[in-house]
Amino acid sequence: MMNSRFPFGQTVITRTAMNILHAEDVLAGLERHALGDWGDLCPEDRAENELSLYENRRLFSEYSDRNGRTFFIITEADRSATTVLLPEDY
């Protein structure tokens, strides 16, 4: 992602998320995640992500699609992969 605050590594999506989520919503979530807009997280989890940027720990975001369906985006601590998934995939 251009302008990303961190490397994404390989971007993957679970089969369940791919079958349920609209591609435009996934792309919008990935763009927000890349910019450090962590979505619907509480202030404590947002602060944890900001710290995790500098301590090379896992980054976690939560968004809702156009139908109100919650999905997560997780970037691994080593920045080797970023995964889009549904809560039931977690």
PDB file of N, CA and C in Angstrom:
ATOM      1  N   MET A   1       0.831  -1.183   0.000  1.00  0.00           N
ATOM      2  CA  MET A   1       0.000   0.000   0.000  1.00  0.00           C
ATOM      3  C   MET A   1       0.878   1.250   0.000  1.00  0.00           C
ATOM      4  N   MET A   2       0.563   2.176  -0.873  1.00  0.00           N
ATOM      5  CA  MET A   2       1.276   3.449  -0.850  1.00  0.00           C
ATOM      6  C   MET A   2       0.901   4.203   0.419  1.00  0.00           C
ATOM      7  N   ASN A   3       1.837   4.950   0.960  1.00  0.00           N
ATOM      8  CA  ASN A   3       1.627   5.748   2.165  1.00  0.00           C
ATOM      9  C   ASN A   3       1.376   4.904   3.415  1.00  0.00           C
ATOM     10  N   SER A   4       1.660   3.624   3.359  1.00  0.00           N
ATOM     11  CA  SER A   4       1.463   2.770   4.523  1.00  0.00           C
ATOM     12  C   SER A   4       2.459   3.137   5.615  1.00  0.00           C
ATOM     13  N   ARG A   5       2.002   3.087   6.860  1.00  0.00           N
ATOM     14  CA  ARG A   5       2.867   3.392   8.007  1.00  0.00           C
ATOM     15  C   ARG A   5       3.772   2.219   8.354  1.00  0.00           C
ATOM     16  N   PHE A   6       3.562   1.063   7.709  1.00  0.00           N
ATOM     17  CA  PHE A   6       4.316  -0.145   8.023  1.00  0.00           C
ATOM     18  C   PHE A   6       4.217  -1.111   6.847  1.00  0.00           C
ATOM     19  N   PRO A   7       5.147  -2.074   6.741  1.00  0.00           N
ATOM     20  CA  PRO A   7       5.059  -3.080   5.680  1.00  0.00           C
ATOM     21  C   PRO A   7       3.887  -4.033   5.932  1.00  0.00           C
ATOM     22  N   PHE A   8       3.229  -4.427   4.869  1.00  0.00           N
ATOM     23  CA  PHE A   8       2.094  -5.354   4.949  1.00  0.00           C
ATOM     24  C   PHE A   8       2.512  -6.807   4.808  1.00  0.00           C
ATOM     25  N   GLY A   9       3.625  -7.069   4.137  1.00  0.00           N
ATOM     26  CA  GLY A   9       3.962  -8.441   3.792  1.00  0.00           C
ATOM     27  C   GLY A   9       2.937  -8.959   2.794  1.00  0.00           C
ATOM     28  N   GLN A  10       2.728 -10.254   2.792  1.00  0.00           N
ATOM     29  CA  GLN A  10       1.731 -10.866   1.905  1.00  0.00           C
ATOM     30  C   GLN A  10       0.340 -10.572   2.451  1.00  0.00           C
ATOM     31  N   THR A  11      -0.568 -10.113   1.601  1.00  0.00           N
ATOM     32  CA  THR A  11      -1.944  -9.846   2.025  1.00  0.00           C
ATOM     33  C   THR A  11      -2.811 -11.039   1.660  1.00  0.00           C
ATOM     34  N   VAL A  12      -3.520 -11.569   2.663  1.00  0.00           N
ATOM     35  CA  VAL A  12      -4.378 -12.733   2.462  1.00  0.00           C
ATOM     36  C   VAL A  12      -5.753 -12.475   3.080  1.00  0.00           C
ATOM     37  N   ILE A  13      -6.728 -13.254   2.641  1.00  0.00           N
ATOM     38  CA  ILE A  13      -8.086 -13.167   3.173  1.00  0.00           C
ATOM     39  C   ILE A  13      -8.601 -14.584   3.371  1.00  0.00           C
ATOM     40  N   THR A  14      -9.278 -14.812   4.470  1.00  0.00           N
ATOM     41  CA  THR A  14      -9.823 -16.150   4.698  1.00  0.00           C
ATOM     42  C   THR A  14     -10.941 -16.417   3.694  1.00  0.00           C
ATOM     43  N   ARG A  15     -11.185 -17.673   3.454  1.00  0.00           N
ATOM     44  CA  ARG A  15     -12.234 -18.068   2.502  1.00  0.00           C
ATOM     45  C   ARG A  15     -13.597 -17.534   2.948  1.00  0.00           C
ATOM     46  N   THR A  16     -13.877 -17.628   4.234  1.00  0.00           N
ATOM     47  CA  THR A  16     -15.156 -17.149   4.759  1.00  0.00           C
ATOM     48  C   THR A  16     -15.319 -15.656   4.501  1.00  0.00           C
ATOM     49  N   ALA A  17     -14.287 -14.887   4.812  1.00  0.00           N
ATOM     50  CA  ALA A  17     -14.344 -13.440   4.595  1.00  0.00           C
ATOM     51  C   ALA A  17     -14.491 -13.117   3.109  1.00  0.00           C
ATOM     52  N   MET A  18     -13.785 -13.849   2.259  1.00  0.00           N
ATOM     53  CA  MET A  18     -13.864 -13.608   0.825  1.00  0.00           C
ATOM     54  C   MET A  18     -15.278 -13.870   0.297  1.00  0.00           C
ATOM     55  N   ASN A  19     -15.937 -14.879   0.849  1.00  0.00           N
ATOM     56  CA  ASN A  19     -17.279 -15.235   0.394  1.00  0.00           C
ATOM     57  C   ASN A  19     -18.360 -14.296   0.908  1.00  0.00           C
ATOM     58  N   ILE A  20     -18.103 -13.593   2.006  1.00  0.00           N
ATOM     59  CA  ILE A  20     -19.138 -12.776   2.639  1.00  0.00           C
ATOM     60  C   ILE A  20     -18.951 -11.276   2.413  1.00  0.00           C
ATOM     61  N   LEU A  21     -17.711 -10.801   2.493  1.00  0.00           N
ATOM     62  CA  LEU A  21     -17.460  -9.362   2.421  1.00  0.00           C
ATOM     63  C   LEU A  21     -17.393  -8.857   0.980  1.00  0.00           C
ATOM     64  N   HIS A  22     -17.835  -7.640   0.782  1.00  0.00           N
ATOM     65  CA  HIS A  22     -17.733  -6.999  -0.530  1.00  0.00           C
ATOM     66  C   HIS A  22     -16.287  -6.552  -0.721  1.00  0.00           C
ATOM     67  N   ALA A  23     -15.733  -6.768  -1.905  1.00  0.00           N
ATOM     68  CA  ALA A  23     -14.334  -6.452  -2.191  1.00  0.00           C
ATOM     69  C   ALA A  23     -14.002  -4.980  -1.930  1.00  0.00           C
ATOM     70  N   GLU A  24     -14.921  -4.075  -2.230  1.00  0.00           N
ATOM     71  CA  GLU A  24     -14.662  -2.648  -1.990  1.00  0.00           C
ATOM     72  C   GLU A  24     -14.521  -2.343  -0.510  1.00  0.00           C
ATOM     73  N   ASP A  25     -15.287  -3.029   0.337  1.00  0.00           N
ATOM     74  CA  ASP A  25     -15.199  -2.828   1.777  1.00  0.00           C
ATOM     75  C   ASP A  25     -13.863  -3.352   2.315  1.00  0.00           C
ATOM     76  N   VAL A  26     -13.419  -4.474   1.768  1.00  0.00           N
ATOM     77  CA  VAL A  26     -12.125  -5.034   2.174  1.00  0.00           C
ATOM     78  C   VAL A  26     -11.012  -4.075   1.782  1.00  0.00           C
ATOM     79  N   LEU A  27     -11.037  -3.580   0.559  1.00  0.00           N
ATOM     80  CA  LEU A  27     -10.011  -2.641   0.099  1.00  0.00           C
ATOM     81  C   LEU A  27     -10.001  -1.367   0.953  1.00  0.00           C
ATOM     82  N   ALA A  28     -11.181  -0.846   1.264  1.00  0.00           N
ATOM     83  CA  ALA A  28     -11.266   0.354   2.112  1.00  0.00           C
ATOM     84  C   ALA A  28     -10.679   0.063   3.490  1.00  0.00           C
ATOM     85  N   GLY A  29     -10.956  -1.102   4.042  1.00  0.00           N
ATOM     86  CA  GLY A  29     -10.394  -1.480   5.335  1.00  0.00           C
ATOM     87  C   GLY A  29      -8.879  -1.589   5.283  1.00  0.00           C
ATOM     88  N   LEU A  30      -8.360  -2.188   4.232  1.00  0.00           N
ATOM     89  CA  LEU A  30      -6.908  -2.312   4.084  1.00  0.00           C
ATOM     90  C   LEU A  30      -6.248  -0.941   3.973  1.00  0.00           C
ATOM     91  N   GLU A  31      -6.875  -0.041   3.250  1.00  0.00           N
ATOM     92  CA  GLU A  31      -6.331   1.312   3.120  1.00  0.00           C
ATOM     93  C   GLU A  31      -6.321   2.031   4.468  1.00  0.00           C
ATOM     94  N   ARG A  32      -7.398   1.900   5.235  1.00  0.00           N
ATOM     95  CA  ARG A  32      -7.464   2.528   6.554  1.00  0.00           C
ATOM     96  C   ARG A  32      -6.423   1.921   7.491  1.00  0.00           C
ATOM     97  N   HIS A  33      -6.309   0.603   7.474  1.00  0.00           N
ATOM     98  CA  HIS A  33      -5.334  -0.103   8.313  1.00  0.00           C
ATOM     99  C   HIS A  33      -3.921   0.387   7.991  1.00  0.00           C
ATOM    100  N   ALA A  34      -3.611   0.516   6.714  1.00  0.00           N
ATOM    101  CA  ALA A  34      -2.275   0.961   6.278  1.00  0.00           C
ATOM    102  C   ALA A  34      -1.944   2.353   6.800  1.00  0.00           C
ATOM    103  N   LEU A  35      -2.950   3.198   6.901  1.00  0.00           N
ATOM    104  CA  LEU A  35      -2.748   4.578   7.351  1.00  0.00           C
ATOM    105  C   LEU A  35      -2.747   4.712   8.875  1.00  0.00           C
ATOM    106  N   GLY A  36      -3.037   3.614   9.570  1.00  0.00           N
ATOM    107  CA  GLY A  36      -3.081   3.669  11.032  1.00  0.00           C
ATOM    108  C   GLY A  36      -4.429   4.092  11.575  1.00  0.00           C
ATOM    109  N   ASP A  37      -5.467   3.997  10.761  1.00  0.00           N
ATOM    110  CA  ASP A  37      -6.847   4.202  11.217  1.00  0.00           C
ATOM    111  C   ASP A  37      -7.334   2.822  11.639  1.00  0.00           C
ATOM    112  N   TRP A  38      -7.325   2.563  12.906  1.00  0.00           N
ATOM    113  CA  TRP A  38      -7.557   1.212  13.429  1.00  0.00           C
ATOM    114  C   TRP A  38      -9.032   0.837  13.513  1.00  0.00           C
ATOM    115  N   GLY A  39      -9.907   1.682  13.023  1.00  0.00           N
ATOM    116  CA  GLY A  39     -11.325   1.344  12.945  1.00  0.00           C
ATOM    117  C   GLY A  39     -12.037   1.453  14.272  1.00  0.00           C
ATOM    118  N   ASP A  40     -12.810   0.425  14.598  1.00  0.00           N
ATOM    119  CA  ASP A  40     -13.724   0.447  15.732  1.00  0.00           C
ATOM    120  C   ASP A  40     -13.107  -0.086  17.023  1.00  0.00           C
ATOM    121  N   LEU A  41     -11.842   0.213  17.255  1.00  0.00           N
ATOM    122  CA  LEU A  41     -11.188  -0.244  18.480  1.00  0.00           C
ATOM    123  C   LEU A  41     -11.389   0.759  19.606  1.00  0.00           C
ATOM    124  N   CYS A  42     -11.334   0.253  20.830  1.00  0.00           N
ATOM    125  CA  CYS A  42     -11.399   1.126  22.000  1.00  0.00           C
ATOM    126  C   CYS A  42     -10.093   1.928  22.095  1.00  0.00           C
ATOM    127  N   PRO A  43     -10.093   3.017  22.853  1.00  0.00           N
ATOM    128  CA  PRO A  43      -8.876   3.839  22.971  1.00  0.00           C
ATOM    129  C   PRO A  43      -7.646   3.063  23.447  1.00  0.00           C
ATOM    130  N   GLU A  44      -7.830   2.108  24.340  1.00  0.00           N
ATOM    131  CA  GLU A  44      -6.697   1.327  24.838  1.00  0.00           C
ATOM    132  C   GLU A  44      -6.076   0.482  23.732  1.00  0.00           C
ATOM    133  N   ASP A  45      -6.920  -0.135  22.900  1.00  0.00           N
ATOM    134  CA  ASP A  45      -6.402  -0.958  21.803  1.00  0.00           C
ATOM    135  C   ASP A  45      -5.758  -0.101  20.718  1.00  0.00           C
ATOM    136  N   ARG A  46      -6.285   1.099  20.491  1.00  0.00           N
ATOM    137  CA  ARG A  46      -5.656   2.031  19.541  1.00  0.00           C
ATOM    138  C   ARG A  46      -4.248   2.400  20.028  1.00  0.00           C
ATOM    139  N   ALA A  47      -4.139   2.698  21.317  1.00  0.00           N
ATOM    140  CA  ALA A  47      -2.845   3.039  21.904  1.00  0.00           C
ATOM    141  C   ALA A  47      -1.879   1.858  21.807  1.00  0.00           C
ATOM    142  N   GLU A  48      -2.393   0.668  22.018  1.00  0.00           N
ATOM    143  CA  GLU A  48      -1.559  -0.540  21.903  1.00  0.00           C
ATOM    144  C   GLU A  48      -1.013  -0.682  20.482  1.00  0.00           C
ATOM    145  N   ASN A  49      -1.845  -0.424  19.479  1.00  0.00           N
ATOM    146  CA  ASN A  49      -1.377  -0.489  18.087  1.00  0.00           C
ATOM    147  C   ASN A  49      -0.296   0.549  17.823  1.00  0.00           C
ATOM    148  N   GLU A  50      -0.470   1.750  18.353  1.00  0.00           N
ATOM    149  CA  GLU A  50       0.539   2.790  18.134  1.00  0.00           C
ATOM    150  C   GLU A  50       1.878   2.363  18.729  1.00  0.00           C
ATOM    151  N   LEU A  51       1.854   1.781  19.911  1.00  0.00           N
ATOM    152  CA  LEU A  51       3.071   1.260  20.528  1.00  0.00           C
ATOM    153  C   LEU A  51       3.631   0.095  19.713  1.00  0.00           C
ATOM    154  N   SER A  52       2.745  -0.754  19.228  1.00  0.00           N
ATOM    155  CA  SER A  52       3.155  -1.930  18.457  1.00  0.00           C
ATOM    156  C   SER A  52       3.845  -1.567  17.150  1.00  0.00           C
ATOM    157  N   LEU A  53       3.528  -0.405  16.602  1.00  0.00           N
ATOM    158  CA  LEU A  53       4.214   0.055  15.389  1.00  0.00           C
ATOM    159  C   LEU A  53       5.713   0.156  15.618  1.00  0.00           C
ATOM    160  N   TYR A  54       6.098   0.624  16.789  1.00  0.00           N
ATOM    161  CA  TYR A  54       7.506   0.884  17.096  1.00  0.00           C
ATOM    162  C   TYR A  54       8.206  -0.274  17.780  1.00  0.00           C
ATOM    163  N   GLU A  55       7.422  -1.187  18.335  1.00  0.00           N
ATOM    164  CA  GLU A  55       8.005  -2.335  19.020  1.00  0.00           C
ATOM    165  C   GLU A  55       7.873  -3.610  18.203  1.00  0.00           C
ATOM    166  N   ASN A  56       7.483  -3.465  16.942  1.00  0.00           N
ATOM    167  CA  ASN A  56       7.339  -4.606  16.029  1.00  0.00           C
ATOM    168  C   ASN A  56       6.489  -5.726  16.616  1.00  0.00           C
ATOM    169  N   ARG A  57       5.296  -5.332  17.048  1.00  0.00           N
ATOM    170  CA  ARG A  57       4.320  -6.311  17.527  1.00  0.00           C
ATOM    171  C   ARG A  57       3.138  -6.329  16.563  1.00  0.00           C
ATOM    172  N   ARG A  58       2.274  -7.281  16.753  1.00  0.00           N
ATOM    173  CA  ARG A  58       1.110  -7.460  15.888  1.00  0.00           C
ATOM    174  C   ARG A  58       0.220  -6.225  15.897  1.00  0.00           C
ATOM    175  N   LEU A  59      -0.351  -5.909  14.730  1.00  0.00           N
ATOM    176  CA  LEU A  59      -1.284  -4.789  14.575  1.00  0.00           C
ATOM    177  C   LEU A  59      -2.669  -5.355  14.264  1.00  0.00           C
ATOM    178  N   PHE A  60      -3.683  -4.806  14.916  1.00  0.00           N
ATOM    179  CA  PHE A  60      -5.035  -5.347  14.829  1.00  0.00           C
ATOM    180  C   PHE A  60      -6.018  -4.210  14.585  1.00  0.00           C
ATOM    181  N   SER A  61      -6.873  -4.362  13.583  1.00  0.00           N
ATOM    182  CA  SER A  61      -7.917  -3.376  13.303  1.00  0.00           C
ATOM    183  C   SER A  61      -9.267  -4.072  13.210  1.00  0.00           C
ATOM    184  N   GLU A  62     -10.318  -3.302  13.466  1.00  0.00           N
ATOM    185  CA  GLU A  62     -11.685  -3.825  13.380  1.00  0.00           C
ATOM    186  C   GLU A  62     -12.530  -2.835  12.588  1.00  0.00           C
ATOM    187  N   TYR A  63     -13.237  -3.347  11.587  1.00  0.00           N
ATOM    188  CA  TYR A  63     -14.087  -2.517  10.727  1.00  0.00           C
ATOM    189  C   TYR A  63     -15.438  -3.186  10.536  1.00  0.00           C
ATOM    190  N   SER A  64     -16.365  -2.442   9.945  1.00  0.00           N
ATOM    191  CA  SER A  64     -17.675  -2.987   9.562  1.00  0.00           C
ATOM    192  C   SER A  64     -17.857  -2.776   8.075  1.00  0.00           C
ATOM    193  N   ASP A  65     -18.468  -3.755   7.416  1.00  0.00           N
ATOM    194  CA  ASP A  65     -18.731  -3.615   5.992  1.00  0.00           C
ATOM    195  C   ASP A  65     -20.040  -2.870   5.770  1.00  0.00           C
ATOM    196  N   ARG A  66     -20.431  -2.726   4.534  1.00  0.00           N
ATOM    197  CA  ARG A  66     -21.638  -1.969   4.180  1.00  0.00           C
ATOM    198  C   ARG A  66     -22.914  -2.558   4.762  1.00  0.00           C
ATOM    199  N   ASN A  67     -22.866  -3.827   5.191  1.00  0.00           N
ATOM    200  CA  ASN A  67     -24.028  -4.472   5.800  1.00  0.00           C
ATOM    201  C   ASN A  67     -23.926  -4.544   7.319  1.00  0.00           C
ATOM    202  N   GLY A  68     -22.925  -3.880   7.877  1.00  0.00           N
ATOM    203  CA  GLY A  68     -22.750  -3.886   9.322  1.00  0.00           C
ATOM    204  C   GLY A  68     -22.014  -5.098   9.853  1.00  0.00           C
ATOM    205  N   ARG A  69     -21.459  -5.904   8.968  1.00  0.00           N
ATOM    206  CA  ARG A  69     -20.726  -7.113   9.358  1.00  0.00           C
ATOM    207  C   ARG A  69     -19.312  -6.746   9.808  1.00  0.00           C
ATOM    208  N   THR A  70     -18.926  -7.165  10.991  1.00  0.00           N
ATOM    209  CA  THR A  70     -17.605  -6.886  11.531  1.00  0.00           C
ATOM    210  C   THR A  70     -16.555  -7.762  10.861  1.00  0.00           C
ATOM    211  N   PHE A  71     -15.408  -7.150  10.561  1.00  0.00           N
ATOM    212  CA  PHE A  71     -14.258  -7.932  10.103  1.00  0.00           C
ATOM    213  C   PHE A  71     -12.992  -7.342  10.694  1.00  0.00           C
ATOM    214  N   PHE A  72     -11.973  -8.188  10.767  1.00  0.00           N
ATOM    215  CA  PHE A  72     -10.698  -7.808  11.344  1.00  0.00           C
ATOM    216  C   PHE A  72      -9.619  -7.784  10.270  1.00  0.00           C
ATOM    217  N   ILE A  73      -8.596  -6.984  10.507  1.00  0.00           N
ATOM    218  CA  ILE A  73      -7.377  -7.022   9.710  1.00  0.00           C
ATOM    219  C   ILE A  73      -6.219  -7.091  10.697  1.00  0.00           C
ATOM    220  N   ILE A  74      -5.358  -8.082  10.506  1.00  0.00           N
ATOM    221  CA  ILE A  74      -4.232  -8.319  11.409  1.00  0.00           C
ATOM    222  C   ILE A  74      -2.944  -8.355  10.599  1.00  0.00           C
ATOM    223  N   THR A  75      -1.977  -7.545  11.007  1.00  0.00           N
ATOM    224  CA  THR A  75      -0.633  -7.610  10.434  1.00  0.00           C
ATOM    225  C   THR A  75       0.271  -8.258  11.467  1.00  0.00           C
ATOM    226  N   GLU A  76       0.983  -9.284  11.039  1.00  0.00           N
ATOM    227  CA  GLU A  76       1.851 -10.037  11.946  1.00  0.00           C
ATOM    228  C   GLU A  76       2.993  -9.168  12.474  1.00  0.00           C
ATOM    229  N   ALA A  77       3.505  -9.536  13.620  1.00  0.00           N
ATOM    230  CA  ALA A  77       4.569  -8.780  14.277  1.00  0.00           C
ATOM    231  C   ALA A  77       5.798  -8.632  13.389  1.00  0.00           C
ATOM    232  N   ASP A  78       6.124  -9.674  12.629  1.00  0.00           N
ATOM    233  CA  ASP A  78       7.300  -9.600  11.762  1.00  0.00           C
ATOM    234  C   ASP A  78       6.986  -8.951  10.412  1.00  0.00           C
ATOM    235  N   ARG A  79       5.740  -8.488  10.263  1.00  0.00           N
ATOM    236  CA  ARG A  79       5.268  -7.801   9.047  1.00  0.00           C
ATOM    237  C   ARG A  79       5.352  -8.685   7.805  1.00  0.00           C
ATOM    238  N   SER A  80       5.308  -9.998   8.000  1.00  0.00           N
ATOM    239  CA  SER A  80       5.373 -10.931   6.877  1.00  0.00           C
ATOM    240  C   SER A  80       4.030 -11.120   6.196  1.00  0.00           C
ATOM    241  N   ALA A  81       2.938 -10.832   6.913  1.00  0.00           N
ATOM    242  CA  ALA A  81       1.610 -11.059   6.336  1.00  0.00           C
ATOM    243  C   ALA A  81       0.578 -10.168   7.008  1.00  0.00           C
ATOM    244  N   THR A  82      -0.438  -9.820   6.225  1.00  0.00           N
ATOM    245  CA  THR A  82      -1.614  -9.104   6.711  1.00  0.00           C
ATOM    246  C   THR A  82      -2.823  -9.923   6.291  1.00  0.00           C
ATOM    247  N   THR A  83      -3.689 -10.232   7.258  1.00  0.00           N
ATOM    248  CA  THR A  83      -4.825 -11.113   7.014  1.00  0.00           C
ATOM    249  C   THR A  83      -6.136 -10.396   7.273  1.00  0.00           C
ATOM    250  N   VAL A  84      -7.089 -10.571   6.356  1.00  0.00           N
ATOM    251  CA  VAL A  84      -8.461 -10.097   6.518  1.00  0.00           C
ATOM    252  C   VAL A  84      -9.284 -11.311   6.937  1.00  0.00           C
ATOM    253  N   LEU A  85     -10.046 -11.183   8.020  1.00  0.00           N
ATOM    254  CA  LEU A  85     -10.813 -12.306   8.521  1.00  0.00           C
ATOM    255  C   LEU A  85     -12.060 -11.843   9.256  1.00  0.00           C
ATOM    256  N   LEU A  86     -12.967 -12.773   9.436  1.00  0.00           N
ATOM    257  CA  LEU A  86     -14.185 -12.522  10.201  1.00  0.00           C
ATOM    258  C   LEU A  86     -13.950 -12.955  11.638  1.00  0.00           C
ATOM    259  N   PRO A  87     -14.757 -12.466  12.583  1.00  0.00           N
ATOM    260  CA  PRO A  87     -14.574 -12.874  13.984  1.00  0.00           C
ATOM    261  C   PRO A  87     -14.583 -14.388  14.169  1.00  0.00           C
ATOM    262  N   GLU A  88     -15.419 -15.088  13.431  1.00  0.00           N
ATOM    263  CA  GLU A  88     -15.481 -16.539  13.590  1.00  0.00           C
ATOM    264  C   GLU A  88     -14.241 -17.254  13.035  1.00  0.00           C
ATOM    265  N   ASP A  89     -13.424 -16.556  12.249  1.00  0.00           N
ATOM    266  CA  ASP A  89     -12.170 -17.116  11.732  1.00  0.00           C
ATOM    267  C   ASP A  89     -11.031 -16.931  12.736  1.00  0.00           C
ATOM    268  N   TYR A  90     -11.228 -16.092  13.729  1.00  0.00           N
ATOM    269  CA  TYR A  90     -10.162 -15.693  14.652  1.00  0.00           C
ATOM    270  C   TYR A  90      -9.803 -16.801  15.615  1.00  0.00           C
TER     271      TYR A  90
END
